[in-house]
Amino acid sequence: MATSSSVIRQSEPVHAGVERVIEGAHAIRDTVKEAGAGRRLPSYMVGLTVMLIVTLTARALDESQVGFITELLALSAVALLAFVFLSSAVRSLTRLVQSAVSAVSEAISRRLVEERLWAYAAQDSRVLNDILWAQRRDESELVDEPRASSHSSQSEINAERRIPTPIFTKYY
């Protein structure tokens, strides 16, 4: 087995600095995962928006040469007002974007699963037969309304709904 210089095997001694870098990378990864969690992301977005507004205000105040106390009071007021007036809008917008991204990713994953299923079905005629039979059954259930249960058997109900009878193949 060829080893590269970037791969560290468990049996080799690891320098303490490398261990700290690896632990730091894991900590950063965990922090990013936590920040991207569905419940906390809107709150983080509110914080980022308030920080952006305060930073822009601080740069504008630096150019106007106001005193420290005036700048501190102005930045505190801007932070409070930005939080009060923008928090609900930013949270709502973030949740809307999250739900849209979730819906798109679910649609993509469903499409990929369906493509894989059809690719597999193209290779195996039994699977293709089962899929086509299930589709016909679903289509006939959508088209036909359920009738009153005056029929004497399940086969008569299936015949009336035009549900194809499954063909069971015996494998010897």
C-alpha atoms as a PDB file:
ATOM      1  CA  MET A   1       0.000   0.000   0.000  1.00  0.00           C
ATOM      2  CA  ALA A   2       1.496   3.316  -1.056  1.00  0.00           C
ATOM      3  CA  THR A   3       1.429   6.066   1.513  1.00  0.00           C
ATOM      4  CA  SER A   4       1.544   9.758   0.778  1.00  0.00           C
ATOM      5  CA  SER A   5       3.109  12.405   2.911  1.00  0.00           C
ATOM      6  CA  SER A   6      -0.310  13.901   3.727  1.00  0.00           C
ATOM      7  CA  VAL A   7      -1.646  10.677   5.257  1.00  0.00           C
ATOM      8  CA  ILE A   8      -0.730  10.024   8.892  1.00  0.00           C
ATOM      9  CA  ARG A   9      -0.993   6.431   9.981  1.00  0.00           C
ATOM     10  CA  GLN A  10      -2.095   5.618  13.518  1.00  0.00           C
ATOM     11  CA  SER A  11       1.114   3.704  14.262  1.00  0.00           C
ATOM     12  CA  GLU A  12       3.375   6.671  13.473  1.00  0.00           C
ATOM     13  CA  PRO A  13       4.107   9.188  16.227  1.00  0.00           C
ATOM     14  CA  VAL A  14       2.357  12.518  15.680  1.00  0.00           C
ATOM     15  CA  HIS A  15       3.924  15.817  16.564  1.00  0.00           C
ATOM     16  CA  ALA A  16       2.061  17.788  19.253  1.00  0.00           C
ATOM     17  CA  GLY A  17       1.624  20.735  16.864  1.00  0.00           C
ATOM     18  CA  VAL A  18      -0.045  18.512  14.293  1.00  0.00           C
ATOM     19  CA  GLU A  19      -2.386  17.184  16.977  1.00  0.00           C
ATOM     20  CA  ARG A  20      -3.362  20.751  17.919  1.00  0.00           C
ATOM     21  CA  VAL A  21      -4.018  21.599  14.257  1.00  0.00           C
ATOM     22  CA  ILE A  22      -6.173  18.480  13.846  1.00  0.00           C
ATOM     23  CA  GLU A  23      -8.100  19.244  17.040  1.00  0.00           C
ATOM     24  CA  GLY A  24      -8.562  22.842  15.885  1.00  0.00           C
ATOM     25  CA  ALA A  25      -9.880  21.672  12.524  1.00  0.00           C
ATOM     26  CA  HIS A  26     -12.341  19.356  14.262  1.00  0.00           C
ATOM     27  CA  ALA A  27     -13.444  22.204  16.543  1.00  0.00           C
ATOM     28  CA  ILE A  28     -14.001  24.510  13.566  1.00  0.00           C
ATOM     29  CA  ARG A  29     -15.944  21.787  11.741  1.00  0.00           C
ATOM     30  CA  ASP A  30     -18.147  21.194  14.793  1.00  0.00           C
ATOM     31  CA  THR A  31     -18.746  24.931  15.223  1.00  0.00           C
ATOM     32  CA  VAL A  32     -19.757  25.334  11.591  1.00  0.00           C
ATOM     33  CA  LYS A  33     -22.062  22.306  11.871  1.00  0.00           C
ATOM     34  CA  GLU A  34     -23.654  23.773  14.979  1.00  0.00           C
ATOM     35  CA  ALA A  35     -24.015  27.200  13.375  1.00  0.00           C
ATOM     36  CA  GLY A  36     -25.712  25.639  10.378  1.00  0.00           C
ATOM     37  CA  ALA A  37     -28.195  23.782  12.561  1.00  0.00           C
ATOM     38  CA  GLY A  38     -31.750  24.554  11.549  1.00  0.00           C
ATOM     39  CA  ARG A  39     -32.905  26.005  14.842  1.00  0.00           C
ATOM     40  CA  ARG A  40     -29.953  28.277  15.547  1.00  0.00           C
ATOM     41  CA  LEU A  41     -29.267  29.667  12.088  1.00  0.00           C
ATOM     42  CA  PRO A  42     -31.932  32.434  12.233  1.00  0.00           C
ATOM     43  CA  SER A  43     -30.454  33.720  15.502  1.00  0.00           C
ATOM     44  CA  TYR A  44     -26.943  33.711  14.052  1.00  0.00           C
ATOM     45  CA  MET A  45     -28.201  35.608  11.015  1.00  0.00           C
ATOM     46  CA  VAL A  46     -29.742  38.276  13.273  1.00  0.00           C
ATOM     47  CA  GLY A  47     -26.415  38.630  15.078  1.00  0.00           C
ATOM     48  CA  LEU A  48     -24.503  38.918  11.810  1.00  0.00           C
ATOM     49  CA  THR A  49     -26.915  41.531  10.484  1.00  0.00           C
ATOM     50  CA  VAL A  50     -26.630  43.637  13.646  1.00  0.00           C
ATOM     51  CA  MET A  51     -22.831  43.322  13.555  1.00  0.00           C
ATOM     52  CA  LEU A  52     -22.786  44.450   9.919  1.00  0.00           C
ATOM     53  CA  ILE A  53     -24.913  47.514  10.661  1.00  0.00           C
ATOM     54  CA  VAL A  54     -22.836  48.426  13.720  1.00  0.00           C
ATOM     55  CA  THR A  55     -19.597  48.032  11.755  1.00  0.00           C
ATOM     56  CA  LEU A  56     -20.848  50.267   8.955  1.00  0.00           C
ATOM     57  CA  THR A  57     -21.981  52.856  11.518  1.00  0.00           C
ATOM     58  CA  ALA A  58     -18.587  52.711  13.278  1.00  0.00           C
ATOM     59  CA  ARG A  59     -16.789  53.389  10.007  1.00  0.00           C
ATOM     60  CA  ALA A  60     -19.069  56.335   9.312  1.00  0.00           C
ATOM     61  CA  LEU A  61     -18.476  57.703  12.836  1.00  0.00           C
ATOM     62  CA  ASP A  62     -14.698  57.309  12.478  1.00  0.00           C
ATOM     63  CA  GLU A  63     -14.754  59.654   9.511  1.00  0.00           C
ATOM     64  CA  SER A  64     -16.782  62.288  11.394  1.00  0.00           C
ATOM     65  CA  GLN A  65     -14.261  62.517  14.280  1.00  0.00           C
ATOM     66  CA  VAL A  66     -16.735  62.347  17.183  1.00  0.00           C
ATOM     67  CA  GLY A  67     -15.654  61.622  20.743  1.00  0.00           C
ATOM     68  CA  PHE A  68     -15.415  58.180  22.314  1.00  0.00           C
ATOM     69  CA  ILE A  69     -18.503  58.538  24.510  1.00  0.00           C
ATOM     70  CA  THR A  70     -20.595  59.844  21.616  1.00  0.00           C
ATOM     71  CA  GLU A  71     -19.415  57.007  19.406  1.00  0.00           C
ATOM     72  CA  LEU A  72     -20.140  54.411  22.129  1.00  0.00           C
ATOM     73  CA  LEU A  73     -23.652  55.763  22.716  1.00  0.00           C
ATOM     74  CA  ALA A  74     -24.374  55.985  18.989  1.00  0.00           C
ATOM     75  CA  LEU A  75     -23.172  52.432  18.340  1.00  0.00           C
ATOM     76  CA  SER A  76     -25.166  51.092  21.295  1.00  0.00           C
ATOM     77  CA  ALA A  77     -28.297  52.837  20.058  1.00  0.00           C
ATOM     78  CA  VAL A  78     -27.773  51.587  16.500  1.00  0.00           C
ATOM     79  CA  ALA A  79     -27.229  48.017  17.741  1.00  0.00           C
ATOM     80  CA  LEU A  80     -30.372  48.125  19.889  1.00  0.00           C
ATOM     81  CA  LEU A  81     -32.531  49.643  17.145  1.00  0.00           C
ATOM     82  CA  ALA A  82     -31.188  47.249  14.527  1.00  0.00           C
ATOM     83  CA  PHE A  83     -31.923  44.297  16.778  1.00  0.00           C
ATOM     84  CA  VAL A  84     -35.429  45.506  17.659  1.00  0.00           C
ATOM     85  CA  PHE A  85     -36.498  46.432  14.143  1.00  0.00           C
ATOM     86  CA  LEU A  86     -34.708  43.814  12.072  1.00  0.00           C
ATOM     87  CA  SER A  87     -34.724  40.670  14.202  1.00  0.00           C
ATOM     88  CA  SER A  88     -38.176  39.404  13.210  1.00  0.00           C
ATOM     89  CA  ALA A  89     -37.645  40.218   9.526  1.00  0.00           C
ATOM     90  CA  VAL A  90     -34.229  38.550   9.383  1.00  0.00           C
ATOM     91  CA  ARG A  91     -35.479  35.459  11.236  1.00  0.00           C
ATOM     92  CA  SER A  92     -38.503  35.156   8.942  1.00  0.00           C
ATOM     93  CA  LEU A  93     -36.362  35.587   5.842  1.00  0.00           C
ATOM     94  CA  THR A  94     -33.829  33.038   7.093  1.00  0.00           C
ATOM     95  CA  ARG A  95     -36.550  30.481   7.844  1.00  0.00           C
ATOM     96  CA  LEU A  96     -38.067  31.092   4.408  1.00  0.00           C
ATOM     97  CA  VAL A  97     -34.694  30.510   2.737  1.00  0.00           C
ATOM     98  CA  GLN A  98     -34.130  27.399   4.876  1.00  0.00           C
ATOM     99  CA  SER A  99     -37.477  25.906   3.874  1.00  0.00           C
ATOM    100  CA  ALA A 100     -36.863  26.714   0.194  1.00  0.00           C
ATOM    101  CA  VAL A 101     -33.419  25.107   0.279  1.00  0.00           C
ATOM    102  CA  SER A 102     -34.853  22.098   2.098  1.00  0.00           C
ATOM    103  CA  ALA A 103     -37.631  21.700  -0.479  1.00  0.00           C
ATOM    104  CA  VAL A 104     -35.182  21.957  -3.368  1.00  0.00           C
ATOM    105  CA  SER A 105     -32.794  19.438  -1.808  1.00  0.00           C
ATOM    106  CA  GLU A 106     -35.645  17.001  -1.149  1.00  0.00           C
ATOM    107  CA  ALA A 107     -36.824  17.324  -4.753  1.00  0.00           C
ATOM    108  CA  ILE A 108     -33.309  16.727  -6.043  1.00  0.00           C
ATOM    109  CA  SER A 109     -32.827  13.695  -3.803  1.00  0.00           C
ATOM    110  CA  ARG A 110     -36.198  12.259  -4.869  1.00  0.00           C
ATOM    111  CA  ARG A 111     -35.265  12.761  -8.532  1.00  0.00           C
ATOM    112  CA  LEU A 112     -31.883  11.078  -8.016  1.00  0.00           C
ATOM    113  CA  VAL A 113     -33.485   8.125  -6.250  1.00  0.00           C
ATOM    114  CA  GLU A 114     -36.006   7.790  -9.063  1.00  0.00           C
ATOM    115  CA  GLU A 115     -33.251   7.948 -11.692  1.00  0.00           C
ATOM    116  CA  ARG A 116     -31.310   5.225  -9.874  1.00  0.00           C
ATOM    117  CA  LEU A 117     -34.450   3.098  -9.619  1.00  0.00           C
ATOM    118  CA  TRP A 118     -35.194   3.425 -13.343  1.00  0.00           C
ATOM    119  CA  ALA A 119     -31.563   2.676 -14.200  1.00  0.00           C
ATOM    120  CA  TYR A 120     -31.746  -0.461 -12.092  1.00  0.00           C
ATOM    121  CA  ALA A 121     -35.120  -1.356 -13.605  1.00  0.00           C
ATOM    122  CA  ALA A 122     -33.665  -1.012 -17.093  1.00  0.00           C
ATOM    123  CA  GLN A 123     -31.222  -3.798 -16.186  1.00  0.00           C
ATOM    124  CA  ASP A 124     -33.746  -6.118 -14.509  1.00  0.00           C
ATOM    125  CA  SER A 125     -37.059  -6.842 -16.252  1.00  0.00           C
ATOM    126  CA  ARG A 126     -38.691  -8.152 -13.062  1.00  0.00           C
ATOM    127  CA  VAL A 127     -38.108  -4.839 -11.300  1.00  0.00           C
ATOM    128  CA  LEU A 128     -39.396  -2.943 -14.330  1.00  0.00           C
ATOM    129  CA  ASN A 129     -42.530  -5.120 -14.380  1.00  0.00           C
ATOM    130  CA  ASP A 130     -43.146  -4.458 -10.688  1.00  0.00           C
ATOM    131  CA  ILE A 131     -42.728  -0.697 -11.118  1.00  0.00           C
ATOM    132  CA  LEU A 132     -45.034  -0.532 -14.133  1.00  0.00           C
ATOM    133  CA  TRP A 133     -47.647  -2.658 -12.360  1.00  0.00           C
ATOM    134  CA  ALA A 134     -47.525  -0.385  -9.294  1.00  0.00           C
ATOM    135  CA  GLN A 135     -47.856   2.713 -11.482  1.00  0.00           C
ATOM    136  CA  ARG A 136     -50.888   1.295 -13.277  1.00  0.00           C
ATOM    137  CA  ARG A 137     -52.461   0.393  -9.950  1.00  0.00           C
ATOM    138  CA  ASP A 138     -51.862   3.905  -8.569  1.00  0.00           C
ATOM    139  CA  GLU A 139     -53.240   5.537 -11.713  1.00  0.00           C
ATOM    140  CA  SER A 140     -56.371   3.411 -11.632  1.00  0.00           C
ATOM    141  CA  GLU A 141     -56.944   4.230  -7.963  1.00  0.00           C
ATOM    142  CA  LEU A 142     -56.710   7.938  -8.756  1.00  0.00           C
ATOM    143  CA  VAL A 143     -59.085   7.724 -11.717  1.00  0.00           C
ATOM    144  CA  ASP A 144     -61.774   5.486 -10.234  1.00  0.00           C
ATOM    145  CA  GLU A 145     -63.916   6.597  -7.345  1.00  0.00           C
ATOM    146  CA  PRO A 146     -64.480   4.069  -4.578  1.00  0.00           C
ATOM    147  CA  ARG A 147     -67.870   2.430  -5.004  1.00  0.00           C
ATOM    148  CA  ALA A 148     -70.306   1.157  -2.444  1.00  0.00           C
ATOM    149  CA  SER A 149     -69.356  -2.216  -1.024  1.00  0.00           C
ATOM    150  CA  SER A 150     -72.180  -4.164  -2.688  1.00  0.00           C
ATOM    151  CA  HIS A 151     -69.687  -6.526  -4.328  1.00  0.00           C
ATOM    152  CA  SER A 152     -69.353 -10.043  -3.134  1.00  0.00           C
ATOM    153  CA  SER A 153     -65.582 -10.405  -3.363  1.00  0.00           C
ATOM    154  CA  GLN A 154     -62.340  -8.481  -3.586  1.00  0.00           C
ATOM    155  CA  SER A 155     -61.698  -9.842  -7.107  1.00  0.00           C
ATOM    156  CA  GLU A 156     -64.909  -8.188  -8.351  1.00  0.00           C
ATOM    157  CA  ILE A 157     -63.834  -4.894  -6.808  1.00  0.00           C
ATOM    158  CA  ASN A 158     -60.427  -5.183  -8.470  1.00  0.00           C
ATOM    159  CA  ALA A 159     -62.030  -6.075 -11.794  1.00  0.00           C
ATOM    160  CA  GLU A 160     -64.285  -3.035 -11.600  1.00  0.00           C
ATOM    161  CA  ARG A 161     -61.377  -0.720 -10.789  1.00  0.00           C
ATOM    162  CA  ARG A 162     -59.344  -2.301 -13.582  1.00  0.00           C
ATOM    163  CA  ILE A 163     -56.456  -3.106 -11.279  1.00  0.00           C
ATOM    164  CA  PRO A 164     -54.159  -5.498 -13.073  1.00  0.00           C
ATOM    165  CA  THR A 165     -53.791  -8.858 -11.411  1.00  0.00           C
ATOM    166  CA  PRO A 166     -50.218  -9.430 -10.296  1.00  0.00           C
ATOM    167  CA  ILE A 167     -48.421 -12.259 -11.997  1.00  0.00           C
ATOM    168  CA  PHE A 168     -46.401 -14.168  -9.470  1.00  0.00           C
ATOM    169  CA  THR A 169     -43.365 -15.820 -10.945  1.00  0.00           C
ATOM    170  CA  LYS A 170     -42.145 -19.072  -9.459  1.00  0.00           C
ATOM    171  CA  TYR A 171     -38.420 -19.475  -9.308  1.00  0.00           C
ATOM    172  CA  TYR A 172     -37.340 -23.115  -9.147  1.00  0.00           C
END
